[in-house]
């Protein structure tokens, strides 16, 4: 360049080094700096003016004056050399009057960093990259991939983000059945599970076609609970509250519509004489309308297993599936149907209603056990919710009608025959129609301790992380407290589930980053360097504009003034409070 041809300039070697560095690392220096500098050497004569462009293209060093430069620097030739070598600092030069700078003040410090980098390059302080051997590269990449796999395994084992892992921890032989694939499961005991599941899916498809059947109005009341929680019992009591204890129905589902099956058979015409309309459902919250009122019924998981076992395996349902009654043992039914990792319907039903409606005072939560212990108080609470409070005579009548002995005496009114008789799939081989009584006798089956352990593990791993309840007993206590005057409806969610998922994502991203660095080390270093340079440049420019702006300084002063006022106010408030306590 022409500027280098001038004789008599002490800074000529320095300028030569800058010119050489621009040829080799121009683009990198431009990314690091981002400013245009105009130099004026007071004792340099005609060649004392030159421009260093570290903002555009690959950078340039040229003779002449550029009025559009970001920074204007004026100094002596020898001081230019001292600044380039680092023997003179900008602060000392400004203090002694040996350096005058106009424009961006922070840009001068950036220039010092650039000159120091050029000086290190000139002295060969920057080590040259040594190509790695093929063996070293393979080992590096193998280590990176191994690191990625280790992090992913840790995320899976520690964080437990998936339902299949959350559903582990019970007795080993039962967990094997719960996690078994459908193909292997259907080979067990001469296909007993296959027969039961195949018929169940066929029957449910007939009874519960997934299409809209009715428009819901705000006064409608839904009675929701998992299969086996006592929804038939609840429906009978609720209908008695609004009808004065009337038993003039052939089947309970004629007067309390089973919402899930309305698309198969609409029986709403039977409810025209009663208000409000009642609907029973086993569905989760997301599959039901939102503009209605709800009564949520809970029951101990162990009792629900017993109820479901009686319904599916010890009734006409088993005969329809081609099995003998009680042919499927509870130790097989529980892990393959009730607690299978592919469904977990009972616990997911609890979570769906808890997450949406636990803090909603307009949703009534009750338990089967509280009905058994004190039916009168529970019926009064239901009557208040239904806006049909029972008198003393009606209350006595409903307590009697809700007893197990009364319902077993009128068993035909609770066996779903009005619905099942409409479909051929529920016809037995001898031509008779199946009857599925929803009222079981008082004798409970013997429950294996492994079933109890499996249910406890499922509750701890699925329900507890979301609700905070360590057991069903804790949830029942909380439901009882909700029913008290002024009972709390607030959340008890621990938040650990969301935290676990976030931690899992962070670990997975960390593993991906480790793998990327291992597979592309050169590219990774280049990206990291560019991001660091861009961050420093943006910070310096922001600080420079803020310091040069009078408005910015005024805003900064205003903020400091406001902070000072707040400090004085709080100090006064604290002193005043102390004087009141001590006085």
Protein backbone atom coordinates (compact mmCIF):
# COMPACT_ATOMS: atom_id res chain seq x y z
CA UNK A 1 0.00 0.00 0.00
CA UNK A 2 1.08 3.56 -0.55
CA UNK A 3 1.15 4.29 3.13
CA UNK A 4 3.88 1.77 3.60
CA UNK A 5 6.13 3.38 1.02
CA UNK A 6 6.70 6.54 3.04
CA UNK A 7 10.09 7.00 4.62
CA UNK A 8 10.73 8.49 7.98
CA UNK A 9 7.73 6.99 9.80
CA UNK A 10 8.64 5.08 12.94
CA UNK A 11 5.36 3.21 12.81
CA UNK A 12 6.09 1.77 9.37
CA UNK A 13 6.88 -1.77 10.73
CA UNK A 14 3.68 -1.65 12.74
CA UNK A 15 1.65 -0.68 9.68
CA UNK A 16 3.32 -3.43 7.70
CA UNK A 17 2.27 -5.93 10.33
CA UNK A 18 -1.30 -4.62 10.18
CA UNK A 19 -1.34 -4.87 6.39
CA UNK A 20 -0.01 -8.44 6.53
CA UNK A 21 -2.56 -9.41 9.18
CA UNK A 22 -5.40 -8.00 7.03
CA UNK A 23 -4.29 -10.18 4.15
CA UNK A 24 -4.40 -13.32 6.29
CA UNK A 25 -7.10 -12.66 8.91
CA UNK A 26 -9.03 -9.70 7.51
CA UNK A 27 -12.51 -11.19 7.84
CA UNK A 28 -11.85 -12.39 11.40
CA UNK A 29 -10.49 -8.97 12.46
CA UNK A 30 -13.51 -7.25 10.95
CA UNK A 31 -15.84 -9.51 12.92
CA UNK A 32 -13.88 -8.78 16.09
CA UNK A 33 -13.83 -5.00 15.66
CA UNK A 34 -16.48 -3.42 13.43
CA UNK A 35 -15.16 0.19 13.35
CA UNK A 36 -13.41 2.56 10.91
CA UNK A 37 -10.43 4.50 12.39
CA UNK A 38 -8.97 7.73 11.00
CA UNK A 39 -5.38 8.35 12.17
CA UNK A 40 -3.54 11.66 12.11
CA UNK A 41 0.15 11.65 12.96
CA UNK A 42 1.04 15.19 14.02
CA UNK A 43 4.65 14.80 12.95
CA UNK A 44 4.02 12.57 9.97
CA UNK A 45 3.87 15.22 7.27
CA UNK A 46 1.95 14.43 4.08
CA UNK A 47 1.77 10.73 4.88
CA UNK A 48 0.60 11.30 8.43
CA UNK A 49 -3.10 10.71 7.55
CA UNK A 50 -4.30 7.15 6.93
CA UNK A 51 -7.49 5.15 7.45
CA UNK A 52 -7.80 1.70 9.04
CA UNK A 53 -11.09 0.10 7.97
CA UNK A 54 -12.00 -2.82 10.26
CA UNK A 55 -15.69 -2.67 9.45
CA UNK A 56 -16.19 -3.58 5.79
CA UNK A 57 -15.19 -6.64 3.74
CA UNK A 58 -11.79 -8.02 4.66
CA UNK A 59 -10.62 -4.67 6.05
CA UNK A 60 -8.16 -2.24 4.51
CA UNK A 61 -5.34 0.20 5.31
CA UNK A 62 -5.12 3.19 3.01
CA UNK A 63 -3.64 6.68 2.80
CA UNK A 64 -5.92 9.66 3.08
CA UNK A 65 -8.69 11.18 5.15
CA UNK A 66 -12.15 9.60 5.56
CA UNK A 67 -14.71 12.00 7.11
CA UNK A 68 -17.15 9.08 7.66
CA UNK A 69 -14.85 7.26 10.08
CA UNK A 70 -16.26 6.18 13.44
CA UNK A 71 -13.21 7.30 15.43
CA UNK A 72 -10.66 10.12 14.83
CA UNK A 73 -7.31 9.63 16.55
CA UNK A 74 -4.53 12.22 16.71
CA UNK A 75 -1.06 11.48 18.17
CA UNK A 76 2.68 11.55 17.52
CA UNK A 77 4.46 8.93 15.46
CA UNK A 78 6.40 7.52 18.41
CA UNK A 79 3.27 7.31 20.52
CA UNK A 80 1.64 5.27 17.74
CA UNK A 81 4.51 2.79 18.00
CA UNK A 82 4.22 2.65 21.79
CA UNK A 83 0.48 2.00 21.64
CA UNK A 84 1.01 -0.76 19.09
CA UNK A 85 3.62 -2.49 21.24
CA UNK A 86 1.56 -2.06 24.39
CA UNK A 87 4.15 0.00 26.26
CA UNK A 88 1.73 2.95 26.39
CA UNK A 89 -1.84 2.63 27.53
CA UNK A 90 -4.70 4.68 26.13
CA UNK A 91 -5.58 5.90 29.62
CA UNK A 92 -2.08 7.26 30.27
CA UNK A 93 -1.87 8.78 26.81
CA UNK A 94 -5.19 10.57 27.28
CA UNK A 95 -4.21 11.72 30.77
CA UNK A 96 -0.90 13.17 29.58
CA UNK A 97 -2.44 14.83 26.53
CA UNK A 98 -0.44 12.68 24.11
CA UNK A 99 -3.61 11.26 22.51
CA UNK A 100 -6.77 12.95 21.29
CA UNK A 101 -9.83 10.85 20.40
CA UNK A 102 -13.11 11.97 18.87
CA UNK A 103 -16.05 9.68 18.34
CA UNK A 104 -16.72 6.30 19.92
CA UNK A 105 -14.60 6.04 23.09
CA UNK A 106 -15.00 2.28 23.47
CA UNK A 107 -13.82 1.73 19.90
CA UNK A 108 -10.33 2.74 20.94
CA UNK A 109 -10.20 -0.13 23.45
CA UNK A 110 -11.37 -2.51 20.72
CA UNK A 111 -8.50 -1.29 18.55
CA UNK A 112 -6.03 -2.08 21.33
CA UNK A 113 -7.37 -5.66 21.47
CA UNK A 114 -6.97 -5.98 17.69
CA UNK A 115 -3.40 -4.61 17.77
CA UNK A 116 -2.47 -7.01 20.56
CA UNK A 117 -3.82 -9.89 18.54
CA UNK A 118 -1.79 -8.78 15.51
CA UNK A 119 1.33 -8.48 17.67
CA UNK A 120 0.84 -12.01 19.04
CA UNK A 121 0.41 -13.33 15.52
CA UNK A 122 3.60 -11.58 14.46
CA UNK A 123 5.54 -13.23 17.31
CA UNK A 124 4.00 -16.60 16.41
CA UNK A 125 2.42 -16.81 19.87
CA UNK A 126 -0.67 -18.43 18.36
CA UNK A 127 0.00 -22.17 18.05
CA UNK A 128 -0.72 -23.66 14.69
CA UNK A 129 -3.30 -26.40 14.46
CA UNK A 130 -1.77 -29.83 14.13
CA UNK A 131 -3.78 -32.19 11.94
CA UNK A 132 -5.09 -35.16 13.90
CA UNK A 133 -4.36 -38.67 12.78
CA UNK A 134 -7.13 -40.93 11.58
CA UNK A 135 -6.83 -43.03 14.74
CA UNK A 136 -7.08 -39.96 16.97
CA UNK A 137 -10.11 -38.68 15.05
CA UNK A 138 -11.87 -42.02 15.42
CA UNK A 139 -11.20 -42.11 19.16
CA UNK A 140 -12.42 -38.51 19.52
CA UNK A 141 -15.68 -39.23 17.73
CA UNK A 142 -16.19 -42.49 19.61
CA UNK A 143 -15.79 -40.64 22.91
CA UNK A 144 -18.26 -37.94 21.84
CA UNK A 145 -20.92 -40.46 20.82
CA UNK A 146 -20.35 -42.43 24.04
CA UNK A 147 -20.76 -39.23 26.06
CA UNK A 148 -24.03 -38.53 24.26
CA UNK A 149 -25.36 -42.01 24.97
CA UNK A 150 -24.38 -41.81 28.65
CA UNK A 151 -26.22 -38.49 29.05
CA UNK A 152 -29.34 -39.87 27.35
CA UNK A 153 -29.32 -42.97 29.57
CA UNK A 154 -28.93 -40.78 32.67
CA UNK A 155 -31.87 -38.66 31.52
CA UNK A 156 -34.04 -41.75 31.09
CA UNK A 157 -33.02 -43.41 34.37
CA UNK A 158 -33.00 -40.37 36.67
CA UNK A 159 -35.71 -38.11 35.28
CA UNK A 160 -38.28 -40.83 34.42
CA UNK A 161 -39.99 -38.85 31.62
CA UNK A 162 -41.96 -41.69 30.04
CA UNK A 163 -45.05 -43.48 31.22
CA UNK A 164 -43.48 -46.90 30.74
CA UNK A 165 -40.80 -46.10 33.32
CA UNK A 166 -43.21 -44.29 35.62
CA UNK A 167 -45.24 -47.52 35.67
CA UNK A 168 -42.36 -49.69 36.90
CA UNK A 169 -41.32 -50.72 40.38
CA UNK A 170 -43.97 -53.26 41.35
CA UNK A 171 -43.52 -57.02 41.87
CA UNK A 172 -41.25 -58.30 39.14
CA UNK A 173 -43.54 -61.04 37.79
CA UNK A 174 -46.46 -58.61 37.57
CA UNK A 175 -44.40 -55.84 35.97
CA UNK A 176 -43.28 -58.32 33.31
CA UNK A 177 -46.93 -58.94 32.45
CA UNK A 178 -47.77 -55.22 32.59
CA UNK A 179 -44.95 -54.38 30.13
CA UNK A 180 -45.39 -57.40 27.87
CA UNK A 181 -46.10 -56.79 24.20
CA UNK A 182 -49.52 -57.62 22.83
CA UNK A 183 -48.21 -60.51 20.73
CA UNK A 184 -46.60 -62.28 23.71
CA UNK A 185 -49.46 -61.40 26.04
CA UNK A 186 -52.06 -62.99 23.80
CA UNK A 187 -50.18 -66.31 23.88
CA UNK A 188 -50.60 -66.68 27.64
CA UNK A 189 -52.91 -69.39 29.03
CA UNK A 190 -54.16 -70.50 25.61
CA UNK A 191 -55.04 -66.95 24.57
CA UNK A 192 -57.24 -66.09 27.54
CA UNK A 193 -56.15 -62.44 27.52
CA UNK A 194 -56.64 -62.26 23.75
CA UNK A 195 -60.22 -63.52 24.01
CA UNK A 196 -61.07 -61.05 26.76
CA UNK A 197 -59.44 -58.03 25.09
CA UNK A 198 -60.80 -58.83 21.64
CA UNK A 199 -64.40 -59.02 22.84
CA UNK A 200 -63.97 -55.96 25.08
CA UNK A 201 -62.75 -53.84 22.18
CA UNK A 202 -65.60 -55.10 19.99
CA UNK A 203 -68.22 -54.40 22.67
CA UNK A 204 -66.86 -50.95 23.49
CA UNK A 205 -66.83 -50.04 19.81
CA UNK A 206 -70.52 -50.97 19.65
CA UNK A 207 -71.55 -49.23 22.86
CA UNK A 208 -69.42 -46.11 22.58
CA UNK A 209 -69.23 -44.81 19.01
CA UNK A 210 -67.05 -41.70 19.06
CA UNK A 211 -69.48 -39.10 17.72
CA UNK A 212 -71.54 -36.31 19.18
CA UNK A 213 -75.02 -37.35 20.30
CA UNK A 214 -76.45 -34.48 22.35
CA UNK A 215 -76.06 -30.77 23.00
CA UNK A 216 -75.28 -30.03 26.64
CA UNK A 217 -76.80 -27.08 28.51
CA UNK A 218 -75.31 -25.35 31.62
CA UNK A 219 -77.88 -26.86 33.99
CA UNK A 220 -76.90 -30.45 33.08
CA UNK A 221 -75.08 -32.46 35.75
CA UNK A 222 -72.46 -35.09 34.89
CA UNK A 223 -71.72 -37.94 37.31
CA UNK A 224 -68.18 -39.01 36.46
CA UNK A 225 -65.95 -41.77 37.75
CA UNK A 226 -63.89 -44.71 36.53
CA UNK A 227 -65.62 -47.99 35.82
CA UNK A 228 -66.12 -49.69 39.17
CA UNK A 229 -66.13 -46.59 41.37
CA UNK A 230 -69.90 -46.75 42.04
CA UNK A 231 -71.38 -44.53 39.33
CA UNK A 232 -74.49 -46.74 39.10
CA UNK A 233 -75.08 -46.26 42.82
CA UNK A 234 -74.51 -42.51 42.51
CA UNK A 235 -76.87 -42.27 39.53
CA UNK A 236 -79.62 -44.06 41.49
CA UNK A 237 -79.27 -41.64 44.45
CA UNK A 238 -79.17 -38.51 42.28
CA UNK A 239 -82.29 -39.57 40.42
CA UNK A 240 -84.00 -40.22 43.75
CA UNK A 241 -83.18 -36.67 44.89
CA UNK A 242 -84.80 -35.04 41.88
CA UNK A 243 -87.76 -37.50 41.66
CA UNK A 244 -88.66 -37.83 45.33
CA UNK A 245 -87.32 -41.39 45.51
CA UNK A 246 -89.31 -42.67 42.53
CA UNK A 247 -88.49 -46.22 41.35
CA UNK A 248 -90.84 -46.10 38.34
CA UNK A 249 -88.13 -46.93 35.84
CA UNK A 250 -87.31 -50.20 34.18
CA UNK A 251 -83.58 -49.53 33.92
CA UNK A 252 -81.63 -46.77 35.65
CA UNK A 253 -80.00 -45.79 32.33
CA UNK A 254 -83.42 -44.72 31.01
CA UNK A 255 -83.67 -41.89 33.51
CA UNK A 256 -79.93 -41.16 33.97
CA UNK A 257 -78.47 -41.19 30.49
CA UNK A 258 -75.15 -42.94 29.98
CA UNK A 259 -73.45 -40.14 28.05
CA UNK A 260 -70.77 -42.42 26.56
CA UNK A 261 -73.43 -44.60 24.85
CA UNK A 262 -75.90 -41.92 23.71
CA UNK A 263 -74.56 -42.12 20.16
CA UNK A 264 -75.54 -45.80 20.15
CA UNK A 265 -78.97 -45.33 21.77
CA UNK A 266 -80.42 -41.95 22.68
CA UNK A 267 -82.70 -42.16 25.74
CA UNK A 268 -83.04 -38.45 26.52
CA UNK A 269 -86.80 -38.62 26.04
CA UNK A 270 -87.07 -40.37 29.42
CA UNK A 271 -85.65 -37.29 31.20
CA UNK A 272 -88.27 -34.81 29.99
CA UNK A 273 -90.16 -34.99 33.30
CA UNK A 274 -87.10 -34.35 35.46
CA UNK A 275 -84.76 -31.44 36.04
CA UNK A 276 -81.88 -31.06 35.88
CA UNK A 277 -80.84 -33.65 33.33
CA UNK A 278 -78.37 -36.23 34.63
CA UNK A 279 -75.59 -37.90 32.65
CA UNK A 280 -73.25 -40.67 33.80
CA UNK A 281 -69.82 -41.06 32.23
CA UNK A 282 -66.52 -42.90 32.65
CA UNK A 283 -64.63 -40.57 30.31
CA UNK A 284 -61.67 -38.36 31.15
CA UNK A 285 -62.21 -34.62 31.38
CA UNK A 286 -60.94 -33.80 27.90
CA UNK A 287 -63.62 -35.98 26.27
CA UNK A 288 -66.61 -34.29 27.94
CA UNK A 289 -68.34 -30.94 27.37
CA UNK A 290 -67.11 -27.95 29.36
CA UNK A 291 -70.39 -26.06 29.85
CA UNK A 292 -71.96 -28.25 32.53
CA UNK A 293 -71.71 -29.15 36.23
CA UNK A 294 -69.89 -32.19 37.56
CA UNK A 295 -69.85 -34.62 40.47
CA UNK A 296 -66.54 -36.52 40.58
CA UNK A 297 -66.65 -39.89 42.37
CA UNK A 298 -63.44 -41.45 43.75
CA UNK A 299 -62.86 -44.92 45.20
CA UNK A 300 -59.96 -46.91 46.61
CA UNK A 301 -58.00 -48.51 43.72
CA UNK A 302 -58.08 -51.93 45.37
CA UNK A 303 -61.90 -51.88 45.54
CA UNK A 304 -62.04 -50.66 41.94
CA UNK A 305 -59.95 -53.67 40.84
CA UNK A 306 -62.37 -55.98 42.63
CA UNK A 307 -65.37 -54.30 41.03
CA UNK A 308 -63.88 -54.42 37.54
CA UNK A 309 -62.86 -58.04 37.99
CA UNK A 310 -66.42 -58.98 38.95
CA UNK A 311 -67.78 -57.07 35.96
CA UNK A 312 -65.42 -58.44 33.29
CA UNK A 313 -64.27 -61.83 34.56
CA UNK A 314 -67.01 -63.10 36.88
CA UNK A 315 -70.19 -62.28 34.93
CA UNK A 316 -71.87 -62.74 31.57
CA UNK A 317 -69.10 -60.59 30.06
CA UNK A 318 -66.62 -63.48 30.41
CA UNK A 319 -69.12 -65.87 28.80
CA UNK A 320 -69.59 -63.49 25.89
CA UNK A 321 -65.80 -63.47 25.44
CA UNK A 322 -65.76 -67.29 25.25
CA UNK A 323 -64.42 -67.84 28.76
CA UNK A 324 -65.72 -69.43 31.92
CA UNK A 325 -66.57 -67.25 34.85
CA UNK A 326 -63.51 -66.55 37.02
CA UNK A 327 -61.31 -68.37 34.48
CA UNK A 328 -59.02 -65.34 34.36
CA UNK A 329 -57.28 -65.04 37.72
CA UNK A 330 -57.01 -61.63 39.47
CA UNK A 331 -53.20 -61.94 39.33
CA UNK A 332 -53.49 -62.01 35.53
CA UNK A 333 -56.32 -59.50 35.15
CA UNK A 334 -54.70 -56.76 37.27
CA UNK A 335 -51.37 -56.33 35.41
CA UNK A 336 -52.68 -57.08 31.91
CA UNK A 337 -55.89 -55.02 31.99
CA UNK A 338 -56.20 -52.71 34.96
CA UNK A 339 -52.55 -51.72 35.46
CA UNK A 340 -51.12 -52.32 31.99
CA UNK A 341 -48.60 -49.64 30.92
CA UNK A 342 -50.47 -49.24 27.65
CA UNK A 343 -53.56 -47.94 29.44
CA UNK A 344 -53.31 -46.94 33.12
CA UNK A 345 -56.84 -45.63 32.61
CA UNK A 346 -57.81 -45.47 36.28
CA UNK A 347 -54.92 -43.21 37.28
CA UNK A 348 -55.08 -41.10 34.15
CA UNK A 349 -58.80 -40.56 34.85
CA UNK A 350 -57.90 -39.18 38.30
CA UNK A 351 -55.23 -36.89 36.87
CA UNK A 352 -57.48 -35.56 34.10
CA UNK A 353 -60.12 -34.40 36.59
CA UNK A 354 -57.65 -33.25 39.21
CA UNK A 355 -55.66 -30.98 36.90
CA UNK A 356 -58.76 -29.23 35.58
CA UNK A 357 -61.22 -29.20 38.45
CA UNK A 358 -59.58 -29.66 41.83
CA UNK A 359 -59.53 -25.93 42.55
CA UNK A 360 -62.98 -25.34 41.07
CA UNK A 361 -65.55 -24.95 43.90
CA UNK A 362 -68.38 -25.59 41.41
CA UNK A 363 -67.22 -29.21 40.99
CA UNK A 364 -68.31 -31.57 43.77
CA UNK A 365 -65.81 -34.26 44.80
CA UNK A 366 -67.06 -37.26 46.80
CA UNK A 367 -65.77 -40.71 47.72
CA UNK A 368 -67.41 -44.11 47.75
CA UNK A 369 -66.09 -44.80 51.25
CA UNK A 370 -67.71 -41.67 52.70
CA UNK A 371 -71.06 -42.85 51.28
CA UNK A 372 -70.65 -46.16 53.05
CA UNK A 373 -69.65 -44.55 56.37
CA UNK A 374 -72.27 -41.78 56.45
CA UNK A 375 -74.83 -41.98 53.61
CA UNK A 376 -77.19 -39.39 55.13
CA UNK A 377 -74.67 -36.54 55.17
CA UNK A 378 -73.46 -37.40 51.66
CA UNK A 379 -77.04 -37.42 50.33
CA UNK A 380 -77.68 -34.02 51.93
CA UNK A 381 -74.52 -32.66 50.27
CA UNK A 382 -75.61 -34.04 46.89
CA UNK A 383 -79.08 -32.57 47.34
CA UNK A 384 -77.62 -29.15 48.04
CA UNK A 385 -75.43 -29.38 44.93
CA UNK A 386 -78.40 -30.57 42.83
CA UNK A 387 -80.56 -27.78 44.30
CA UNK A 388 -83.03 -30.43 45.52
CA UNK A 389 -82.35 -30.57 49.29
CA UNK A 390 -84.14 -33.59 50.76
CA UNK A 391 -86.55 -33.37 53.67
CA UNK A 392 -86.36 -35.72 56.61
CA UNK A 393 -88.77 -38.28 55.12
CA UNK A 394 -87.11 -38.26 51.70
CA UNK A 395 -83.67 -38.50 53.27
CA UNK A 396 -84.70 -41.57 55.25
CA UNK A 397 -86.21 -43.10 52.11
CA UNK A 398 -83.08 -42.48 50.02
CA UNK A 399 -80.79 -43.91 52.69
CA UNK A 400 -82.85 -47.10 52.58
CA UNK A 401 -82.99 -47.20 48.76
CA UNK A 402 -79.23 -46.72 48.50
CA UNK A 403 -78.47 -49.75 50.68
CA UNK A 404 -76.90 -52.78 49.06
CA UNK A 405 -79.73 -55.07 50.13
CA UNK A 406 -82.38 -52.84 48.50
CA UNK A 407 -80.46 -52.58 45.22
CA UNK A 408 -79.82 -56.34 45.11
CA UNK A 409 -83.57 -56.85 45.64
CA UNK A 410 -84.23 -54.66 42.57
CA UNK A 411 -81.20 -55.94 40.65
CA UNK A 412 -82.96 -55.97 37.27
CA UNK A 413 -83.20 -52.18 37.39
CA UNK A 414 -79.41 -51.87 37.43
CA UNK A 415 -78.21 -54.53 34.92
CA UNK A 416 -78.07 -52.42 31.71
CA UNK A 417 -80.58 -54.69 29.92
CA UNK A 418 -82.38 -51.78 28.20
CA UNK A 419 -79.11 -50.92 26.46
CA UNK A 420 -77.55 -54.34 25.90
CA UNK A 421 -80.70 -55.90 24.42
CA UNK A 422 -80.38 -53.58 21.43
CA UNK A 423 -77.15 -55.19 20.15
CA UNK A 424 -76.45 -58.72 18.88
CA UNK A 425 -72.92 -58.69 20.28
CA UNK A 426 -74.38 -59.20 23.76
CA UNK A 427 -76.34 -62.35 22.86
CA UNK A 428 -75.09 -65.57 24.47
CA UNK A 429 -74.62 -68.84 22.58
CA UNK A 430 -77.84 -70.30 23.96
CA UNK A 431 -79.80 -67.34 22.55
CA UNK A 432 -80.35 -65.59 25.87
CA UNK A 433 -79.34 -62.01 26.54
CA UNK A 434 -76.47 -61.08 28.78
CA UNK A 435 -77.15 -59.39 32.08
CA UNK A 436 -74.43 -57.30 33.69
CA UNK A 437 -75.57 -56.43 37.20
CA UNK A 438 -73.70 -53.38 38.46
CA UNK A 439 -74.45 -54.22 42.12
CA UNK A 440 -72.03 -56.79 43.55
CA UNK A 441 -72.66 -58.82 46.67
CA UNK A 442 -70.98 -57.86 49.90
CA UNK A 443 -68.40 -60.63 49.82
CA UNK A 444 -65.00 -59.39 48.66
CA UNK A 445 -62.51 -61.67 46.94
CA UNK A 446 -59.19 -62.56 48.48
CA UNK A 447 -56.58 -60.08 47.26
CA UNK A 448 -52.96 -61.11 46.83
CA UNK A 449 -50.38 -58.86 48.49
CA UNK A 450 -48.64 -58.44 45.12
CA UNK A 451 -51.74 -56.74 43.74
CA UNK A 452 -51.72 -54.32 46.68
CA UNK A 453 -48.03 -53.55 46.11
CA UNK A 454 -48.55 -53.01 42.37
CA UNK A 455 -51.40 -50.56 42.98
CA UNK A 456 -49.36 -48.64 45.56
CA UNK A 457 -46.46 -48.30 43.14
CA UNK A 458 -48.73 -47.07 40.36
CA UNK A 459 -50.23 -44.42 42.64
CA UNK A 460 -46.81 -43.26 43.85
CA UNK A 461 -45.31 -43.02 40.37
CA UNK A 462 -48.27 -41.62 38.43
CA UNK A 463 -50.62 -39.76 40.77
CA UNK A 464 -48.29 -38.43 43.47
CA UNK A 465 -45.96 -36.36 41.20
CA UNK A 466 -48.96 -34.37 39.92
CA UNK A 467 -51.28 -34.19 42.92
CA UNK A 468 -48.87 -34.39 45.84
CA UNK A 469 -51.05 -37.06 47.51
CA UNK A 470 -48.90 -39.99 48.63
CA UNK A 471 -51.86 -42.36 48.81
CA UNK A 472 -55.58 -42.59 48.17
CA UNK A 473 -56.16 -42.11 51.90
CA UNK A 474 -54.52 -38.65 51.70
CA UNK A 475 -56.69 -37.74 48.73
CA UNK A 476 -59.82 -38.88 50.54
CA UNK A 477 -58.88 -36.69 53.52
CA UNK A 478 -58.40 -33.71 51.20
CA UNK A 479 -61.81 -34.34 49.61
CA UNK A 480 -63.39 -34.38 53.07
CA UNK A 481 -61.72 -31.05 53.85
CA UNK A 482 -63.05 -29.56 50.60
CA UNK A 483 -66.58 -30.35 51.76
CA UNK A 484 -66.18 -28.38 54.98
CA UNK A 485 -67.33 -24.72 55.11
CA UNK A 486 -64.49 -22.60 53.82
CA UNK A 487 -62.65 -25.69 52.60
CA UNK A 488 -59.55 -25.10 50.50
CA UNK A 489 -59.74 -25.63 46.76
CA UNK A 490 -56.15 -24.65 46.03
CA UNK A 491 -53.53 -26.66 44.18
CA UNK A 492 -51.31 -29.12 45.93
CA UNK A 493 -49.31 -29.83 42.81
CA UNK A 494 -45.65 -30.33 43.55
CA UNK A 495 -44.49 -29.35 40.09
CA UNK A 496 -41.93 -32.14 40.05
CA UNK A 497 -43.35 -33.60 36.86
CA UNK A 498 -42.81 -30.43 34.84
CA UNK A 499 -39.38 -29.97 36.43
CA UNK A 500 -38.41 -33.52 35.51
CA UNK A 501 -39.41 -33.02 31.90
CA UNK A 502 -37.45 -29.77 31.72
CA UNK A 503 -34.39 -31.45 33.19
CA UNK A 504 -34.75 -34.28 30.69
CA UNK A 505 -34.80 -31.83 27.77
CA UNK A 506 -31.75 -30.00 29.14
CA UNK A 507 -29.80 -33.24 29.51
CA UNK A 508 -30.77 -34.32 26.02
CA UNK A 509 -29.62 -30.99 24.54
CA UNK A 510 -26.36 -31.29 26.48
CA UNK A 511 -25.83 -34.74 24.99
CA UNK A 512 -26.50 -33.47 21.48
CA UNK A 513 -24.03 -30.61 22.04
CA UNK A 514 -21.36 -33.05 23.23
CA UNK A 515 -21.89 -35.24 20.18
CA UNK A 516 -21.74 -32.26 17.82
CA UNK A 517 -18.51 -30.97 19.36
CA UNK A 518 -16.96 -34.41 19.07
CA UNK A 519 -17.99 -34.94 15.46
CA UNK A 520 -17.23 -31.38 14.29
CA UNK A 521 -14.50 -29.93 16.56
CA UNK A 522 -13.21 -27.38 14.05
CA UNK A 523 -16.66 -26.10 13.16
CA UNK A 524 -17.58 -25.93 16.84
CA UNK A 525 -14.55 -23.79 17.67
CA UNK A 526 -15.33 -21.49 14.74
CA UNK A 527 -18.95 -21.04 15.81
CA UNK A 528 -17.97 -20.41 19.43
CA UNK A 529 -15.40 -17.79 18.38
CA UNK A 530 -17.88 -15.99 16.14
CA UNK A 531 -20.55 -15.92 18.81
CA UNK A 532 -18.07 -14.57 21.36
CA UNK A 533 -16.92 -11.82 18.99
CA UNK A 534 -20.47 -10.83 18.09
CA UNK A 535 -21.43 -10.69 21.77
CA UNK A 536 -18.47 -8.48 22.67
CA UNK A 537 -19.06 -6.20 19.71
CA UNK A 538 -22.75 -5.80 20.48
CA UNK A 539 -22.00 -5.07 24.14
CA UNK A 540 -19.38 -2.46 23.33
CA UNK A 541 -21.54 -0.72 20.77
CA UNK A 542 -24.47 -0.64 23.15
CA UNK A 543 -22.38 0.77 25.98
CA UNK A 544 -20.79 3.28 23.62
CA UNK A 545 -24.13 4.59 22.34
CA UNK A 546 -25.44 4.76 25.89
CA UNK A 547 -22.40 6.71 27.17
CA UNK A 548 -22.41 9.12 24.19
CA UNK A 549 -26.14 9.78 24.43
CA UNK A 550 -27.18 12.66 26.66
CA UNK A 551 -30.71 11.23 26.77
CA UNK A 552 -29.36 7.89 27.87
CA UNK A 553 -27.38 9.51 30.67
CA UNK A 554 -30.46 11.41 31.77
CA UNK A 555 -32.45 8.17 31.90
CA UNK A 556 -29.67 6.49 33.86
CA UNK A 557 -29.56 9.38 36.31
CA UNK A 558 -33.35 9.22 36.67
CA UNK A 559 -33.16 5.51 37.49
CA UNK A 560 -30.50 6.10 40.12
CA UNK A 561 -32.56 8.93 41.59
CA UNK A 562 -35.68 6.70 41.76
CA UNK A 563 -33.69 3.92 43.44
CA UNK A 564 -32.39 6.41 46.00
CA UNK A 565 -35.91 7.65 46.74
CA UNK A 566 -37.08 4.05 47.28
CA UNK A 567 -34.19 3.42 49.65
CA UNK A 568 -35.02 6.51 51.69
CA UNK A 569 -38.72 5.52 51.76
CA UNK A 570 -38.05 1.97 52.99
CA UNK A 571 -35.58 3.23 55.59
CA UNK A 572 -38.20 5.67 56.87
CA UNK A 573 -40.89 2.96 56.86
CA UNK A 574 -38.63 0.56 58.77
CA UNK A 575 -37.73 3.22 61.35
CA UNK A 576 -41.39 4.19 61.76
CA UNK A 577 -42.44 0.55 62.26
CA UNK A 578 -39.68 0.04 64.80
CA UNK A 579 -40.69 3.16 66.74
CA UNK A 580 -44.31 1.91 66.87
CA UNK A 581 -43.24 -1.51 68.18
CA UNK A 582 -40.89 -0.06 70.79
CA UNK A 583 -43.34 2.74 71.79
